[in-house]
Structures are given as structure tokens and as C-alpha cells.
Amino acid sequence: MDILQTAQDWKAKGKGVALATVVETWGSAPQPVGSQLVVDGDGHFEGAVSGGCVEGEVISQAQELIAKGGHTLLEFGVADETAWRVGLACGGRIKIFVEAVS
């Protein structure tokens, strides 16, 4: 699966699109740096940046960015108060850059 091609195809169909990229990991992380996830405005997605609840949060943030534009850097980890909620209580940390594709 080619994430960038999927993003391009969805944009060509007139869909709002956001791209999420793993930019840093530490400790236990299900996906390596460079892993990507593409999301459209309807919540469809392809690829992976982590797993479980982390991806749910990334998709939610991506949809917000599709609506308003811009970008954000999300960080999840054991020191973060959301660690248990998003499923990184195993000791890892991950940073994910999410941007609306214009």
C-alpha cells in the first residue's frame, strides 16, 4: 500500500485529506519512525502509526485539521496523563506529526 498515492487519489476525488507521520519513538513502539497514516474527512484511513486507541486519537485530530487546516505534533507516552487512555502504558513514547493536505 502506498500511503502517499492514496492521499493523492483521495485529493483528486475532492476529499479532504490529512497525513500523519511517526517522527520519533522511544522504548516500546508498534510502528517505526516514518510510518504513515492517511485519513479522509469521512474518517476512512489507510496505513498505521501505532495501534488501538492512539490511532483513534490521531484520526480524530486529523479530521479536525481537515476541517480547519494546519498541522499539529501529537505526543503520547507513559509520562503523559493520557498514556493509559490511549494504550501506551507499556513504557513507550511516540511523536506523530499530523497535517492537512492542501
PDB file of N, CA and C in Angstrom:
ATOM      1  N   MET A   1       0.844  -1.166   0.000  1.00  0.00           N
ATOM      2  CA  MET A   1       0.000   0.000   0.000  1.00  0.00           C
ATOM      3  C   MET A   1       0.897   1.238   0.000  1.00  0.00           C
ATOM      4  N   ASP A   2       0.594   2.166  -0.875  1.00  0.00           N
ATOM      5  CA  ASP A   2       1.346   3.412  -0.996  1.00  0.00           C
ATOM      6  C   ASP A   2       0.504   4.539  -0.407  1.00  0.00           C
ATOM      7  N   ILE A   3       0.856   4.951   0.799  1.00  0.00           N
ATOM      8  CA  ILE A   3       0.079   5.959   1.540  1.00  0.00           C
ATOM      9  C   ILE A   3       0.000   7.271   0.778  1.00  0.00           C
ATOM     10  N   LEU A   4       1.112   7.715   0.222  1.00  0.00           N
ATOM     11  CA  LEU A   4       1.111   8.985  -0.497  1.00  0.00           C
ATOM     12  C   LEU A   4       0.259   8.914  -1.755  1.00  0.00           C
ATOM     13  N   GLN A   5       0.260   7.780  -2.425  1.00  0.00           N
ATOM     14  CA  GLN A   5      -0.598   7.604  -3.601  1.00  0.00           C
ATOM     15  C   GLN A   5      -2.066   7.635  -3.192  1.00  0.00           C
ATOM     16  N   THR A   6      -2.380   6.992  -2.078  1.00  0.00           N
ATOM     17  CA  THR A   6      -3.753   7.013  -1.573  1.00  0.00           C
ATOM     18  C   THR A   6      -4.181   8.442  -1.270  1.00  0.00           C
ATOM     19  N   ALA A   7      -3.318   9.208  -0.607  1.00  0.00           N
ATOM     20  CA  ALA A   7      -3.621  10.614  -0.304  1.00  0.00           C
ATOM     21  C   ALA A   7      -3.879  11.387  -1.593  1.00  0.00           C
ATOM     22  N   GLN A   8      -3.046  11.170  -2.580  1.00  0.00           N
ATOM     23  CA  GLN A   8      -3.190  11.863  -3.867  1.00  0.00           C
ATOM     24  C   GLN A   8      -4.502  11.455  -4.554  1.00  0.00           C
ATOM     25  N   ASP A   9      -4.826  10.175  -4.528  1.00  0.00           N
ATOM     26  CA  ASP A   9      -6.063   9.695  -5.146  1.00  0.00           C
ATOM     27  C   ASP A   9      -7.289  10.299  -4.468  1.00  0.00           C
ATOM     28  N   TRP A  10      -7.269  10.329  -3.134  1.00  0.00           N
ATOM     29  CA  TRP A  10      -8.402  10.886  -2.392  1.00  0.00           C
ATOM     30  C   TRP A  10      -8.549  12.377  -2.671  1.00  0.00           C
ATOM     31  N   LYS A  11      -7.442  13.101  -2.736  1.00  0.00           N
ATOM     32  CA  LYS A  11      -7.491  14.537  -3.050  1.00  0.00           C
ATOM     33  C   LYS A  11      -8.058  14.745  -4.454  1.00  0.00           C
ATOM     34  N   ALA A  12      -7.651  13.908  -5.395  1.00  0.00           N
ATOM     35  CA  ALA A  12      -8.133  14.021  -6.772  1.00  0.00           C
ATOM     36  C   ALA A  12      -9.642  13.798  -6.859  1.00  0.00           C
ATOM     37  N   LYS A  13     -10.181  13.050  -5.904  1.00  0.00           N
ATOM     38  CA  LYS A  13     -11.625  12.804  -5.858  1.00  0.00           C
ATOM     39  C   LYS A  13     -12.360  13.907  -5.084  1.00  0.00           C
ATOM     40  N   GLY A  14     -11.619  14.929  -4.659  1.00  0.00           N
ATOM     41  CA  GLY A  14     -12.229  16.048  -3.959  1.00  0.00           C
ATOM     42  C   GLY A  14     -12.409  15.865  -2.470  1.00  0.00           C
ATOM     43  N   LYS A  15     -11.788  14.855  -1.907  1.00  0.00           N
ATOM     44  CA  LYS A  15     -11.912  14.602  -0.474  1.00  0.00           C
ATOM     45  C   LYS A  15     -10.918  15.450   0.312  1.00  0.00           C
ATOM     46  N   GLY A  16     -11.301  15.819   1.530  1.00  0.00           N
ATOM     47  CA  GLY A  16     -10.359  16.416   2.463  1.00  0.00           C
ATOM     48  C   GLY A  16      -9.440  15.319   2.965  1.00  0.00           C
ATOM     49  N   VAL A  17      -8.153  15.620   3.103  1.00  0.00           N
ATOM     50  CA  VAL A  17      -7.169  14.594   3.470  1.00  0.00           C
ATOM     51  C   VAL A  17      -6.186  15.144   4.487  1.00  0.00           C
ATOM     52  N   ALA A  18      -5.786  14.290   5.419  1.00  0.00           N
ATOM     53  CA  ALA A  18      -4.700  14.608   6.346  1.00  0.00           C
ATOM     54  C   ALA A  18      -3.728  13.433   6.360  1.00  0.00           C
ATOM     55  N   LEU A  19      -2.481  13.751   6.619  1.00  0.00           N
ATOM     56  CA  LEU A  19      -1.424  12.750   6.647  1.00  0.00           C
ATOM     57  C   LEU A  19      -0.754  12.788   8.018  1.00  0.00           C
ATOM     58  N   ALA A  20      -0.611  11.628   8.633  1.00  0.00           N
ATOM     59  CA  ALA A  20       0.059  11.503   9.930  1.00  0.00           C
ATOM     60  C   ALA A  20       1.339  10.699   9.730  1.00  0.00           C
ATOM     61  N   THR A  21       2.439  11.178  10.336  1.00  0.00           N
ATOM     62  CA  THR A  21       3.735  10.526  10.181  1.00  0.00           C
ATOM     63  C   THR A  21       4.402  10.380  11.545  1.00  0.00           C
ATOM     64  N   VAL A  22       4.896   9.179  11.854  1.00  0.00           N
ATOM     65  CA  VAL A  22       5.663   8.969  13.081  1.00  0.00           C
ATOM     66  C   VAL A  22       7.009   9.667  12.895  1.00  0.00           C
ATOM     67  N   VAL A  23       7.316  10.624  13.778  1.00  0.00           N
ATOM     68  CA  VAL A  23       8.565  11.365  13.660  1.00  0.00           C
ATOM     69  C   VAL A  23       9.564  11.020  14.764  1.00  0.00           C
ATOM     70  N   GLU A  24       9.107  10.377  15.827  1.00  0.00           N
ATOM     71  CA  GLU A  24      10.037   9.992  16.902  1.00  0.00           C
ATOM     72  C   GLU A  24       9.407   8.903  17.748  1.00  0.00           C
ATOM     73  N   THR A  25      10.219   7.936  18.156  1.00  0.00           N
ATOM     74  CA  THR A  25       9.772   6.906  19.100  1.00  0.00           C
ATOM     75  C   THR A  25      10.844   6.715  20.159  1.00  0.00           C
ATOM     76  N   TRP A  26      10.425   6.175  21.277  1.00  0.00           N
ATOM     77  CA  TRP A  26      11.345   5.823  22.353  1.00  0.00           C
ATOM     78  C   TRP A  26      10.745   4.647  23.089  1.00  0.00           C
ATOM     79  N   GLY A  27      11.556   3.651  23.383  1.00  0.00           N
ATOM     80  CA  GLY A  27      11.056   2.480  24.096  1.00  0.00           C
ATOM     81  C   GLY A  27      10.180   1.625  23.195  1.00  0.00           C
ATOM     82  N   SER A  28       9.131   1.096  23.770  1.00  0.00           N
ATOM     83  CA  SER A  28       8.220   0.211  23.055  1.00  0.00           C
ATOM     84  C   SER A  28       7.306   1.015  22.135  1.00  0.00           C
ATOM     85  N   ALA A  29       7.391   0.772  20.839  1.00  0.00           N
ATOM     86  CA  ALA A  29       6.538   1.450  19.862  1.00  0.00           C
ATOM     87  C   ALA A  29       6.176   0.461  18.759  1.00  0.00           C
ATOM     88  N   PRO A  30       4.880   0.320  18.447  1.00  0.00           N
ATOM     89  CA  PRO A  30       4.463  -0.661  17.459  1.00  0.00           C
ATOM     90  C   PRO A  30       4.868  -0.348  16.023  1.00  0.00           C
ATOM     91  N   GLN A  31       5.107   0.929  15.707  1.00  0.00           N
ATOM     92  CA  GLN A  31       5.474   1.316  14.346  1.00  0.00           C
ATOM     93  C   GLN A  31       6.743   2.159  14.378  1.00  0.00           C
ATOM     94  N   PRO A  32       7.632   1.993  13.420  1.00  0.00           N
ATOM     95  CA  PRO A  32       8.884   2.757  13.400  1.00  0.00           C
ATOM     96  C   PRO A  32       8.700   4.175  12.863  1.00  0.00           C
ATOM     97  N   VAL A  33       9.713   4.998  13.094  1.00  0.00           N
ATOM     98  CA  VAL A  33       9.751   6.345  12.534  1.00  0.00           C
ATOM     99  C   VAL A  33       9.566   6.251  11.018  1.00  0.00           C
ATOM    100  N   GLY A  34       8.764   7.151  10.479  1.00  0.00           N
ATOM    101  CA  GLY A  34       8.480   7.163   9.049  1.00  0.00           C
ATOM    102  C   GLY A  34       7.165   6.488   8.686  1.00  0.00           C
ATOM    103  N   SER A  35       6.596   5.724   9.615  1.00  0.00           N
ATOM    104  CA  SER A  35       5.304   5.088   9.345  1.00  0.00           C
ATOM    105  C   SER A  35       4.246   6.165   9.160  1.00  0.00           C
ATOM    106  N   GLN A  36       3.288   5.901   8.251  1.00  0.00           N
ATOM    107  CA  GLN A  36       2.294   6.915   7.930  1.00  0.00           C
ATOM    108  C   GLN A  36       0.876   6.361   7.927  1.00  0.00           C
ATOM    109  N   LEU A  37      -0.049   7.292   8.136  1.00  0.00           N
ATOM    110  CA  LEU A  37      -1.469   7.022   8.127  1.00  0.00           C
ATOM    111  C   LEU A  37      -2.123   8.161   7.357  1.00  0.00           C
ATOM    112  N   VAL A  38      -2.990   7.849   6.409  1.00  0.00           N
ATOM    113  CA  VAL A  38      -3.736   8.870   5.679  1.00  0.00           C
ATOM    114  C   VAL A  38      -5.195   8.750   6.097  1.00  0.00           C
ATOM    115  N   VAL A  39      -5.840   9.921   6.278  1.00  0.00           N
ATOM    116  CA  VAL A  39      -7.222   9.976   6.748  1.00  0.00           C
ATOM    117  C   VAL A  39      -8.007  10.905   5.830  1.00  0.00           C
ATOM    118  N   ASP A  40      -9.262  10.531   5.527  1.00  0.00           N
ATOM    119  CA  ASP A  40     -10.096  11.466   4.773  1.00  0.00           C
ATOM    120  C   ASP A  40     -11.131  12.084   5.710  1.00  0.00           C
ATOM    121  N   GLY A  41     -11.883  13.041   5.196  1.00  0.00           N
ATOM    122  CA  GLY A  41     -12.838  13.772   6.013  1.00  0.00           C
ATOM    123  C   GLY A  41     -13.984  12.932   6.548  1.00  0.00           C
ATOM    124  N   ASP A  42     -14.198  11.758   5.958  1.00  0.00           N
ATOM    125  CA  ASP A  42     -15.249  10.856   6.425  1.00  0.00           C
ATOM    126  C   ASP A  42     -14.738   9.851   7.460  1.00  0.00           C
ATOM    127  N   GLY A  43     -13.447   9.935   7.788  1.00  0.00           N
ATOM    128  CA  GLY A  43     -12.872   9.028   8.778  1.00  0.00           C
ATOM    129  C   GLY A  43     -12.295   7.752   8.206  1.00  0.00           C
ATOM    130  N   HIS A  44     -12.295   7.609   6.880  1.00  0.00           N
ATOM    131  CA  HIS A  44     -11.636   6.447   6.285  1.00  0.00           C
ATOM    132  C   HIS A  44     -10.129   6.638   6.436  1.00  0.00           C
ATOM    133  N   PHE A  45      -9.424   5.562   6.621  1.00  0.00           N
ATOM    134  CA  PHE A  45      -7.975   5.672   6.778  1.00  0.00           C
ATOM    135  C   PHE A  45      -7.270   4.448   6.230  1.00  0.00           C
ATOM    136  N   GLU A  46      -6.000   4.659   5.907  1.00  0.00           N
ATOM    137  CA  GLU A  46      -5.123   3.568   5.468  1.00  0.00           C
ATOM    138  C   GLU A  46      -3.762   3.799   6.090  1.00  0.00           C
ATOM    139  N   GLY A  47      -3.061   2.698   6.383  1.00  0.00           N
ATOM    140  CA  GLY A  47      -1.746   2.778   6.992  1.00  0.00           C
ATOM    141  C   GLY A  47      -1.837   2.607   8.497  1.00  0.00           C
ATOM    142  N   ALA A  48      -0.718   2.872   9.176  1.00  0.00           N
ATOM    143  CA  ALA A  48      -0.669   2.708  10.624  1.00  0.00           C
ATOM    144  C   ALA A  48       0.449   3.562  11.215  1.00  0.00           C
ATOM    145  N   VAL A  49       0.159   4.185  12.341  1.00  0.00           N
ATOM    146  CA  VAL A  49       1.192   4.931  13.058  1.00  0.00           C
ATOM    147  C   VAL A  49       1.412   4.381  14.466  1.00  0.00           C
ATOM    148  N   SER A  50       0.526   3.541  14.927  1.00  0.00           N
ATOM    149  CA  SER A  50       0.682   2.931  16.242  1.00  0.00           C
ATOM    150  C   SER A  50      -0.263   1.753  16.326  1.00  0.00           C
ATOM    151  N   GLY A  51      -1.347   1.928  16.987  1.00  0.00           N
ATOM    152  CA  GLY A  51      -2.336   0.881  17.120  1.00  0.00           C
ATOM    153  C   GLY A  51      -3.396   1.316  18.107  1.00  0.00           C
ATOM    154  N   GLY A  52      -4.495   0.634  18.080  1.00  0.00           N
ATOM    155  CA  GLY A  52      -5.553   0.841  19.051  1.00  0.00           C
ATOM    156  C   GLY A  52      -5.982   2.278  19.248  1.00  0.00           C
ATOM    157  N   CYS A  53      -6.016   2.671  20.515  1.00  0.00           N
ATOM    158  CA  CYS A  53      -6.543   3.980  20.895  1.00  0.00           C
ATOM    159  C   CYS A  53      -5.690   5.137  20.389  1.00  0.00           C
ATOM    160  N   VAL A  54      -4.392   4.933  20.217  1.00  0.00           N
ATOM    161  CA  VAL A  54      -3.544   6.007  19.683  1.00  0.00           C
ATOM    162  C   VAL A  54      -4.015   6.369  18.283  1.00  0.00           C
ATOM    163  N   GLU A  55      -4.262   5.380  17.466  1.00  0.00           N
ATOM    164  CA  GLU A  55      -4.727   5.666  16.111  1.00  0.00           C
ATOM    165  C   GLU A  55      -6.093   6.331  16.129  1.00  0.00           C
ATOM    166  N   GLY A  56      -6.950   5.953  17.045  1.00  0.00           N
ATOM    167  CA  GLY A  56      -8.247   6.611  17.166  1.00  0.00           C
ATOM    168  C   GLY A  56      -8.086   8.094  17.449  1.00  0.00           C
ATOM    169  N   GLU A  57      -7.184   8.446  18.324  1.00  0.00           N
ATOM    170  CA  GLU A  57      -6.922   9.843  18.648  1.00  0.00           C
ATOM    171  C   GLU A  57      -6.290  10.577  17.470  1.00  0.00           C
ATOM    172  N   VAL A  58      -5.371   9.929  16.768  1.00  0.00           N
ATOM    173  CA  VAL A  58      -4.737  10.539  15.590  1.00  0.00           C
ATOM    174  C   VAL A  58      -5.787  10.799  14.507  1.00  0.00           C
ATOM    175  N   ILE A  59      -6.672   9.858  14.282  1.00  0.00           N
ATOM    176  CA  ILE A  59      -7.725  10.024  13.279  1.00  0.00           C
ATOM    177  C   ILE A  59      -8.642  11.183  13.659  1.00  0.00           C
ATOM    178  N   SER A  60      -8.993  11.267  14.926  1.00  0.00           N
ATOM    179  CA  SER A  60      -9.829  12.368  15.399  1.00  0.00           C
ATOM    180  C   SER A  60      -9.162  13.717  15.165  1.00  0.00           C
ATOM    181  N   GLN A  61      -7.880  13.817  15.512  1.00  0.00           N
ATOM    182  CA  GLN A  61      -7.134  15.063  15.307  1.00  0.00           C
ATOM    183  C   GLN A  61      -6.993  15.371  13.814  1.00  0.00           C
ATOM    184  N   ALA A  62      -6.788  14.339  13.007  1.00  0.00           N
ATOM    185  CA  ALA A  62      -6.663  14.528  11.562  1.00  0.00           C
ATOM    186  C   ALA A  62      -7.950  15.100  10.987  1.00  0.00           C
ATOM    187  N   GLN A  63      -9.088  14.603  11.440  1.00  0.00           N
ATOM    188  CA  GLN A  63     -10.361  15.109  10.939  1.00  0.00           C
ATOM    189  C   GLN A  63     -10.555  16.584  11.315  1.00  0.00           C
ATOM    190  N   GLU A  64     -10.135  16.966  12.512  1.00  0.00           N
ATOM    191  CA  GLU A  64     -10.205  18.377  12.909  1.00  0.00           C
ATOM    192  C   GLU A  64      -9.341  19.236  11.990  1.00  0.00           C
ATOM    193  N   LEU A  65      -8.152  18.746  11.666  1.00  0.00           N
ATOM    194  CA  LEU A  65      -7.257  19.509  10.789  1.00  0.00           C
ATOM    195  C   LEU A  65      -7.787  19.585   9.361  1.00  0.00           C
ATOM    196  N   ILE A  66      -8.450  18.546   8.897  1.00  0.00           N
ATOM    197  CA  ILE A  66      -9.064  18.595   7.571  1.00  0.00           C
ATOM    198  C   ILE A  66     -10.081  19.736   7.538  1.00  0.00           C
ATOM    199  N   ALA A  67     -10.827  19.883   8.616  1.00  0.00           N
ATOM    200  CA  ALA A  67     -11.872  20.909   8.678  1.00  0.00           C
ATOM    201  C   ALA A  67     -11.310  22.324   8.770  1.00  0.00           C
ATOM    202  N   LYS A  68     -10.205  22.489   9.520  1.00  0.00           N
ATOM    203  CA  LYS A  68      -9.703  23.851   9.752  1.00  0.00           C
ATOM    204  C   LYS A  68      -8.358  24.154   9.105  1.00  0.00           C
ATOM    205  N   GLY A  69      -7.662  23.128   8.619  1.00  0.00           N
ATOM    206  CA  GLY A  69      -6.336  23.318   8.036  1.00  0.00           C
ATOM    207  C   GLY A  69      -5.254  23.307   9.099  1.00  0.00           C
ATOM    208  N   GLY A  70      -4.015  23.340   8.649  1.00  0.00           N
ATOM    209  CA  GLY A  70      -2.886  23.408   9.567  1.00  0.00           C
ATOM    210  C   GLY A  70      -2.250  22.075   9.876  1.00  0.00           C
ATOM    211  N   HIS A  71      -1.520  22.060  10.989  1.00  0.00           N
ATOM    212  CA  HIS A  71      -0.801  20.857  11.406  1.00  0.00           C
ATOM    213  C   HIS A  71      -0.647  20.869  12.925  1.00  0.00           C
ATOM    214  N   THR A  72      -0.256  19.726  13.458  1.00  0.00           N
ATOM    215  CA  THR A  72      -0.024  19.604  14.891  1.00  0.00           C
ATOM    216  C   THR A  72       0.975  18.473  15.134  1.00  0.00           C
ATOM    217  N   LEU A  73       1.627  18.516  16.271  1.00  0.00           N
ATOM    218  CA  LEU A  73       2.527  17.445  16.698  1.00  0.00           C
ATOM    219  C   LEU A  73       1.920  16.810  17.942  1.00  0.00           C
ATOM    220  N   LEU A  74       1.560  15.546  17.826  1.00  0.00           N
ATOM    221  CA  LEU A  74       0.961  14.812  18.936  1.00  0.00           C
ATOM    222  C   LEU A  74       2.028  13.973  19.609  1.00  0.00           C
ATOM    223  N   GLU A  75       1.968  13.908  20.920  1.00  0.00           N
ATOM    224  CA  GLU A  75       2.914  13.077  21.667  1.00  0.00           C
ATOM    225  C   GLU A  75       2.140  12.226  22.658  1.00  0.00           C
ATOM    226  N   PHE A  76       2.433  10.944  22.642  1.00  0.00           N
ATOM    227  CA  PHE A  76       1.807  10.002  23.558  1.00  0.00           C
ATOM    228  C   PHE A  76       2.913   9.250  24.272  1.00  0.00           C
ATOM    229  N   GLY A  77       2.756   9.042  25.571  1.00  0.00           N
ATOM    230  CA  GLY A  77       3.760   8.283  26.291  1.00  0.00           C
ATOM    231  C   GLY A  77       3.410   8.075  27.741  1.00  0.00           C
ATOM    232  N   VAL A  78       4.264   7.337  28.435  1.00  0.00           N
ATOM    233  CA  VAL A  78       3.981   6.974  29.815  1.00  0.00           C
ATOM    234  C   VAL A  78       3.958   8.165  30.747  1.00  0.00           C
ATOM    235  N   ALA A  79       4.686   9.235  30.419  1.00  0.00           N
ATOM    236  CA  ALA A  79       4.677  10.407  31.276  1.00  0.00           C
ATOM    237  C   ALA A  79       3.449  11.274  31.016  1.00  0.00           C
ATOM    238  N   ASP A  80       2.787  11.016  29.932  1.00  0.00           N
ATOM    239  CA  ASP A  80       1.608  11.778  29.537  1.00  0.00           C
ATOM    240  C   ASP A  80       0.402  11.251  30.319  1.00  0.00           C
ATOM    241  N   GLU A  81      -0.444  12.146  30.775  1.00  0.00           N
ATOM    242  CA  GLU A  81      -1.615  11.724  31.533  1.00  0.00           C
ATOM    243  C   GLU A  81      -2.580  10.881  30.703  1.00  0.00           C
ATOM    244  N   THR A  82      -2.432  10.910  29.388  1.00  0.00           N
ATOM    245  CA  THR A  82      -3.309  10.108  28.530  1.00  0.00           C
ATOM    246  C   THR A  82      -2.721   8.741  28.213  1.00  0.00           C
ATOM    247  N   ALA A  83      -1.588   8.400  28.799  1.00  0.00           N
ATOM    248  CA  ALA A  83      -0.916   7.145  28.452  1.00  0.00           C
ATOM    249  C   ALA A  83      -1.829   5.934  28.595  1.00  0.00           C
ATOM    250  N   TRP A  84      -2.503   5.818  29.711  1.00  0.00           N
ATOM    251  CA  TRP A  84      -3.374   4.658  29.915  1.00  0.00           C
ATOM    252  C   TRP A  84      -4.573   4.715  28.985  1.00  0.00           C
ATOM    253  N   ARG A  85      -5.096   5.910  28.772  1.00  0.00           N
ATOM    254  CA  ARG A  85      -6.294   6.066  27.945  1.00  0.00           C
ATOM    255  C   ARG A  85      -6.016   5.659  26.502  1.00  0.00           C
ATOM    256  N   VAL A  86      -4.857   6.020  25.968  1.00  0.00           N
ATOM    257  CA  VAL A  86      -4.570   5.718  24.564  1.00  0.00           C
ATOM    258  C   VAL A  86      -3.745   4.454  24.373  1.00  0.00           C
ATOM    259  N   GLY A  87      -3.391   3.776  25.446  1.00  0.00           N
ATOM    260  CA  GLY A  87      -2.783   2.468  25.303  1.00  0.00           C
ATOM    261  C   GLY A  87      -1.273   2.419  25.219  1.00  0.00           C
ATOM    262  N   LEU A  88      -0.559   3.402  25.788  1.00  0.00           N
ATOM    263  CA  LEU A  88       0.903   3.343  25.790  1.00  0.00           C
ATOM    264  C   LEU A  88       1.457   3.144  27.196  1.00  0.00           C
ATOM    265  N   ALA A  89       0.725   2.449  28.011  1.00  0.00           N
ATOM    266  CA  ALA A  89       1.178   2.209  29.372  1.00  0.00           C
ATOM    267  C   ALA A  89       2.309   1.185  29.425  1.00  0.00           C
ATOM    268  N   CYS A  90       2.757   0.682  28.289  1.00  0.00           N
ATOM    269  CA  CYS A  90       3.802  -0.341  28.227  1.00  0.00           C
ATOM    270  C   CYS A  90       5.208   0.255  28.317  1.00  0.00           C
ATOM    271  N   GLY A  91       5.325   1.554  28.360  1.00  0.00           N
ATOM    272  CA  GLY A  91       6.640   2.149  28.536  1.00  0.00           C
ATOM    273  C   GLY A  91       7.179   2.890  27.341  1.00  0.00           C
ATOM    274  N   GLY A  92       6.418   3.015  26.294  1.00  0.00           N
ATOM    275  CA  GLY A  92       6.899   3.692  25.101  1.00  0.00           C
ATOM    276  C   GLY A  92       6.478   5.143  25.021  1.00  0.00           C
ATOM    277  N   ARG A  93       7.045   5.815  24.031  1.00  0.00           N
ATOM    278  CA  ARG A  93       6.668   7.195  23.727  1.00  0.00           C
ATOM    279  C   ARG A  93       6.727   7.337  22.210  1.00  0.00           C
ATOM    280  N   ILE A  94       5.789   8.106  21.680  1.00  0.00           N
ATOM    281  CA  ILE A  94       5.718   8.286  20.234  1.00  0.00           C
ATOM    282  C   ILE A  94       5.294   9.715  19.928  1.00  0.00           C
ATOM    283  N   LYS A  95       5.907  10.311  18.911  1.00  0.00           N
ATOM    284  CA  LYS A  95       5.511  11.622  18.417  1.00  0.00           C
ATOM    285  C   LYS A  95       5.025  11.442  16.983  1.00  0.00           C
ATOM    286  N   ILE A  96       3.876  12.051  16.709  1.00  0.00           N
ATOM    287  CA  ILE A  96       3.259  11.913  15.395  1.00  0.00           C
ATOM    288  C   ILE A  96       2.902  13.305  14.875  1.00  0.00           C
ATOM    289  N   PHE A  97       3.427  13.631  13.701  1.00  0.00           N
ATOM    290  CA  PHE A  97       3.140  14.905  13.042  1.00  0.00           C
ATOM    291  C   PHE A  97       1.933  14.686  12.145  1.00  0.00           C
ATOM    292  N   VAL A  98       0.904  15.517  12.333  1.00  0.00           N
ATOM    293  CA  VAL A  98      -0.321  15.382  11.557  1.00  0.00           C
ATOM    294  C   VAL A  98      -0.553  16.695  10.816  1.00  0.00           C
ATOM    295  N   GLU A  99      -0.817  16.597   9.499  1.00  0.00           N
ATOM    296  CA  GLU A  99      -1.023  17.813   8.706  1.00  0.00           C
ATOM    297  C   GLU A  99      -2.136  17.611   7.700  1.00  0.00           C
ATOM    298  N   ALA A 100      -2.916  18.683   7.516  1.00  0.00           N
ATOM    299  CA  ALA A 100      -3.916  18.687   6.459  1.00  0.00           C
ATOM    300  C   ALA A 100      -3.174  18.813   5.131  1.00  0.00           C
ATOM    301  N   VAL A 101      -3.636  18.060   4.145  1.00  0.00           N
ATOM    302  CA  VAL A 101      -3.014  18.111   2.810  1.00  0.00           C
ATOM    303  C   VAL A 101      -3.817  19.086   1.965  1.00  0.00           C
ATOM    304  N   SER A 102      -3.113  20.099   1.451  1.00  0.00           N
ATOM    305  CA  SER A 102      -3.841  21.097   0.651  1.00  0.00           C
ATOM    306  C   SER A 102      -3.622  20.869  -0.834  1.00  0.00           C
TER     307      SER A 102
END
